[in-house]
Amino acid sequence: MTLGIVSLNVGKPVTVDYEGKALTTGIHKQPVQGPVFLSNVNFEGDGQADLVNHGGPDKAVCAYPYEHYPYWQRSLGKDMPYASFGENLTLQGLLEDQVCIGDVFRIGGAVLQVSQPRYPCFKLSHKHGVKDMPARVLNTGYSGFYFRVLEEGEVSADSPVIPLDRRSSGVTVREVLRVMKEGRKDEEALSRMLELEELAASLKGQFAKWLEKMN
């Protein structure tokens, strides 16, 4: 399968109206050509509004598979331009049921490692005008995922995506998403997640708390 960037997207947080209240969000990103410098926390010109649930070294880059866009266009009955899920990288050839936690890729001048799934929040409902959008994302498993940055560097829309290590854990993004969704009482699955050295620290902390409550 061909690997590559379909769209490189950045954007600073903006304040919008959501159900009569002001909502500041970084989900409204726009395609750019680059080159754009990628630091260990984000792309230059990019930003997140909710720094508790978004951003930081383990969520430096949000990626979303290009292959899911036709489904959403059919399902929602509307055009879906790239960055519709607030992703920095719309990628071809990297699907949630194939990509594993810890997989490493060189993208342009940077080296990135898969750290965790992207868990959908209500801001997707705001962006698309669909109240149950987070549930739809969870039910399909079309979540996207996050990278941490192992080596900083410049990335362009036409930068190649080169696998460096795709054998790290054997645990796919889809598997971790399932545990995030329904694993609060799955002791075996939670224990397996805690063994993943490359899994994002905050998510491991959450899983550890769930496991502790069971004992």
Protein backbone atom coordinates (compact mmCIF):
# COMPACT_ATOMS: atom_id res chain seq x y z
CA MET A 1 0.00 0.00 0.00
CA THR A 2 1.28 3.45 -0.91
CA LEU A 3 2.20 5.62 2.08
CA GLY A 4 2.07 9.37 1.81
CA ILE A 5 0.76 12.74 2.92
CA VAL A 6 -2.49 13.75 1.27
CA SER A 7 -2.74 17.04 3.16
CA LEU A 8 -0.62 18.92 5.72
CA ASN A 9 -2.84 21.07 7.96
CA VAL A 10 -2.18 23.70 10.64
CA GLY A 11 -4.18 26.35 12.44
CA LYS A 12 -4.29 28.41 15.62
CA PRO A 13 -7.26 28.18 18.01
CA VAL A 14 -10.30 30.32 17.19
CA THR A 15 -13.39 31.20 19.24
CA VAL A 16 -16.74 30.19 17.78
CA ASP A 17 -20.34 29.95 18.95
CA TYR A 18 -21.47 26.51 20.08
CA GLU A 19 -25.02 26.14 21.41
CA GLY A 20 -25.08 29.77 22.48
CA LYS A 21 -21.73 29.69 24.27
CA ALA A 22 -18.24 30.76 23.25
CA LEU A 23 -16.02 27.81 22.39
CA THR A 24 -12.30 28.17 21.76
CA THR A 25 -10.98 25.31 19.64
CA GLY A 26 -8.02 24.35 17.51
CA ILE A 27 -10.00 21.98 15.30
CA HIS A 28 -10.30 24.45 12.41
CA LYS A 29 -7.07 23.76 10.53
CA GLN A 30 -6.25 24.59 6.92
CA PRO A 31 -4.07 22.82 4.34
CA VAL A 32 -0.61 24.29 3.72
CA GLN A 33 2.19 23.26 1.40
CA GLY A 34 5.17 23.88 3.65
CA PRO A 35 7.90 23.38 4.46
CA VAL A 36 6.68 23.70 8.07
CA PHE A 37 8.96 23.13 11.04
CA LEU A 38 7.79 20.38 13.39
CA SER A 39 9.02 20.71 16.99
CA ASN A 40 8.52 18.15 19.71
CA VAL A 41 5.18 19.73 20.65
CA ASN A 42 3.59 20.88 17.36
CA PHE A 43 3.93 22.26 13.86
CA GLU A 44 4.90 25.90 13.53
CA GLY A 45 1.70 27.90 13.12
CA ASP A 46 -0.41 25.25 14.84
CA GLY A 47 -1.97 25.23 18.30
CA GLN A 48 -4.49 23.66 20.64
CA ALA A 49 -7.01 25.37 22.89
CA ASP A 50 -7.56 22.58 25.44
CA LEU A 51 -4.05 21.73 26.59
CA VAL A 52 -5.36 19.22 29.15
CA ASN A 53 -6.80 16.88 26.51
CA HIS A 54 -4.84 17.96 23.42
CA GLY A 55 -1.26 18.82 22.59
CA GLY A 56 1.94 18.10 24.49
CA PRO A 57 4.82 15.81 23.51
CA ASP A 58 2.70 12.63 23.30
CA LYS A 59 0.10 14.38 21.11
CA ALA A 60 2.36 16.60 19.03
CA VAL A 61 0.83 15.56 15.70
CA CYS A 62 -2.71 14.40 14.99
CA ALA A 63 -3.08 12.10 11.96
CA TYR A 64 -6.20 10.92 10.16
CA PRO A 65 -6.50 8.31 7.39
CA TYR A 66 -7.45 9.63 3.97
CA GLU A 67 -9.25 6.35 3.28
CA HIS A 68 -12.07 7.20 5.72
CA TYR A 69 -13.12 10.40 3.95
CA PRO A 70 -15.39 8.75 1.32
CA TYR A 71 -17.30 6.96 4.11
CA TRP A 72 -17.94 10.18 6.00
CA GLN A 73 -18.99 12.03 2.86
CA ARG A 74 -21.57 9.32 2.18
CA SER A 75 -22.65 8.99 5.80
CA LEU A 76 -23.03 12.72 6.48
CA GLY A 77 -24.17 13.61 2.98
CA LYS A 78 -21.80 16.52 2.56
CA ASP A 79 -18.40 17.47 1.24
CA MET A 80 -15.57 16.75 3.66
CA PRO A 81 -12.45 18.79 2.92
CA TYR A 82 -9.16 17.56 4.35
CA ALA A 83 -8.57 18.59 7.99
CA SER A 84 -12.27 17.93 8.70
CA PHE A 85 -11.19 16.01 11.80
CA GLY A 86 -8.74 18.64 12.97
CA GLU A 87 -5.81 16.52 11.89
CA ASN A 88 -2.36 17.88 11.08
CA LEU A 89 -1.62 15.07 8.67
CA THR A 90 -4.17 13.48 6.38
CA LEU A 91 -2.28 10.28 5.56
CA GLN A 92 -2.68 7.55 2.98
CA GLY A 93 -1.88 3.93 3.79
CA LEU A 94 -1.88 4.11 7.60
CA LEU A 95 -5.11 2.68 9.04
CA GLU A 96 -6.00 2.17 12.69
CA ASP A 97 -6.26 -1.60 12.41
CA GLN A 98 -2.79 -1.82 10.86
CA VAL A 99 -0.73 0.85 12.65
CA CYS A 100 0.71 -0.22 16.00
CA ILE A 101 1.60 1.76 19.09
CA GLY A 102 5.32 2.48 18.86
CA ASP A 103 5.57 2.34 15.06
CA VAL A 104 8.16 4.84 13.82
CA PHE A 105 8.16 6.78 10.53
CA ARG A 106 10.40 9.37 8.92
CA ILE A 107 8.21 12.10 7.45
CA GLY A 108 10.25 14.71 5.66
CA GLY A 109 13.00 15.83 8.01
CA ALA A 110 11.24 14.61 11.17
CA VAL A 111 10.96 11.22 12.84
CA LEU A 112 7.59 10.40 14.42
CA GLN A 113 6.31 7.58 16.65
CA VAL A 114 2.70 6.47 17.09
CA SER A 115 1.70 7.16 20.71
CA GLN A 116 -2.08 6.64 21.09
CA PRO A 117 -5.47 6.80 19.35
CA ARG A 118 -7.26 10.09 18.94
CA TYR A 119 -10.39 9.87 21.14
CA PRO A 120 -13.28 11.85 19.63
CA CYS A 121 -14.81 14.73 21.60
CA PHE A 122 -17.81 17.05 21.27
CA LYS A 123 -15.85 19.51 19.12
CA LEU A 124 -16.40 17.17 16.19
CA SER A 125 -20.14 17.68 16.76
CA HIS A 126 -19.63 21.43 16.63
CA LYS A 127 -17.57 21.26 13.46
CA HIS A 128 -19.96 19.00 11.55
CA GLY A 129 -23.31 19.88 13.07
CA VAL A 130 -23.93 16.24 14.05
CA LYS A 131 -24.72 15.71 17.74
CA ASP A 132 -23.67 12.08 17.88
CA MET A 133 -20.49 12.54 15.84
CA PRO A 134 -18.16 11.27 18.63
CA ALA A 135 -20.26 8.11 18.98
CA ARG A 136 -20.19 7.59 15.21
CA VAL A 137 -16.41 7.84 15.21
CA LEU A 138 -16.11 5.36 18.07
CA ASN A 139 -18.54 2.91 16.49
CA THR A 140 -16.64 2.89 13.20
CA GLY A 141 -13.20 2.89 14.80
CA TYR A 142 -12.23 5.64 12.37
CA SER A 143 -10.54 7.67 15.07
CA GLY A 144 -7.16 8.69 13.74
CA PHE A 145 -4.14 8.71 16.05
CA TYR A 146 -1.35 10.78 17.54
CA PHE A 147 2.39 10.89 16.99
CA ARG A 148 5.15 12.01 19.31
CA VAL A 149 8.22 13.58 17.69
CA LEU A 150 11.50 11.72 18.11
CA GLU A 151 13.46 14.04 15.82
CA GLU A 152 12.39 17.57 14.94
CA GLY A 153 12.52 18.75 11.35
CA GLU A 154 10.73 20.33 8.42
CA VAL A 155 7.74 18.66 6.78
CA SER A 156 6.04 19.56 3.49
CA ALA A 157 2.84 18.35 1.89
CA ASP A 158 4.92 16.33 -0.57
CA SER A 159 7.31 14.84 2.02
CA PRO A 160 7.72 11.06 1.76
CA VAL A 161 6.48 8.83 4.57
CA ILE A 162 9.08 6.15 5.27
CA PRO A 163 8.57 3.32 7.80
CA LEU A 164 11.55 2.91 10.12
CA ASP A 165 10.14 0.45 12.66
CA ARG A 166 6.75 -1.21 12.30
CA ARG A 167 7.36 -4.12 14.68
CA SER A 168 7.36 -2.38 18.01
CA SER A 169 4.40 -3.64 20.03
CA GLY A 170 2.00 -5.62 17.88
CA VAL A 171 -0.87 -3.71 19.53
CA THR A 172 -2.83 -1.70 16.99
CA VAL A 173 -4.36 1.73 17.41
CA ARG A 174 -7.79 0.09 16.99
CA GLU A 175 -7.11 -2.28 19.90
CA VAL A 176 -6.19 0.59 22.22
CA LEU A 177 -9.25 2.56 21.12
CA ARG A 178 -11.43 -0.40 22.07
CA VAL A 179 -9.94 -0.42 25.57
CA MET A 180 -10.43 3.35 25.85
CA LYS A 181 -14.08 2.86 24.88
CA GLU A 182 -15.09 -0.24 26.82
CA GLY A 183 -12.15 -1.59 28.80
CA ARG A 184 -12.83 -0.24 32.30
CA LYS A 185 -13.48 -3.75 33.60
CA ASP A 186 -11.21 -5.72 31.27
CA GLU A 187 -8.33 -6.58 33.59
CA GLU A 188 -6.40 -8.57 31.01
CA ALA A 189 -6.60 -5.84 28.37
CA LEU A 190 -5.69 -3.07 30.82
CA SER A 191 -2.69 -5.04 32.04
CA ARG A 192 -1.55 -5.51 28.45
CA MET A 193 -1.88 -1.79 27.77
CA LEU A 194 0.31 -0.97 30.77
CA GLU A 195 3.06 -3.14 29.31
CA LEU A 196 3.29 -0.91 26.22
CA GLU A 197 6.39 1.17 26.77
CA GLU A 198 5.56 3.48 23.87
CA LEU A 199 1.93 4.19 24.88
CA ALA A 200 1.28 7.82 25.89
CA ALA A 201 1.95 8.39 29.60
CA SER A 202 -1.37 10.09 30.32
CA LEU A 203 -3.32 7.21 28.79
CA LYS A 204 -1.31 4.65 30.74
CA GLY A 205 -2.13 6.62 33.88
CA GLN A 206 -5.82 6.45 33.07
CA PHE A 207 -5.66 2.72 32.44
CA ALA A 208 -3.73 2.22 35.69
CA LYS A 209 -6.49 3.98 37.65
CA TRP A 210 -9.15 1.76 36.04
CA LEU A 211 -7.13 -1.34 36.91
CA GLU A 212 -6.61 -0.16 40.49
CA LYS A 213 -10.36 0.28 40.98
CA MET A 214 -10.86 -3.38 40.07
CA ASN A 215 -8.51 -4.63 42.78
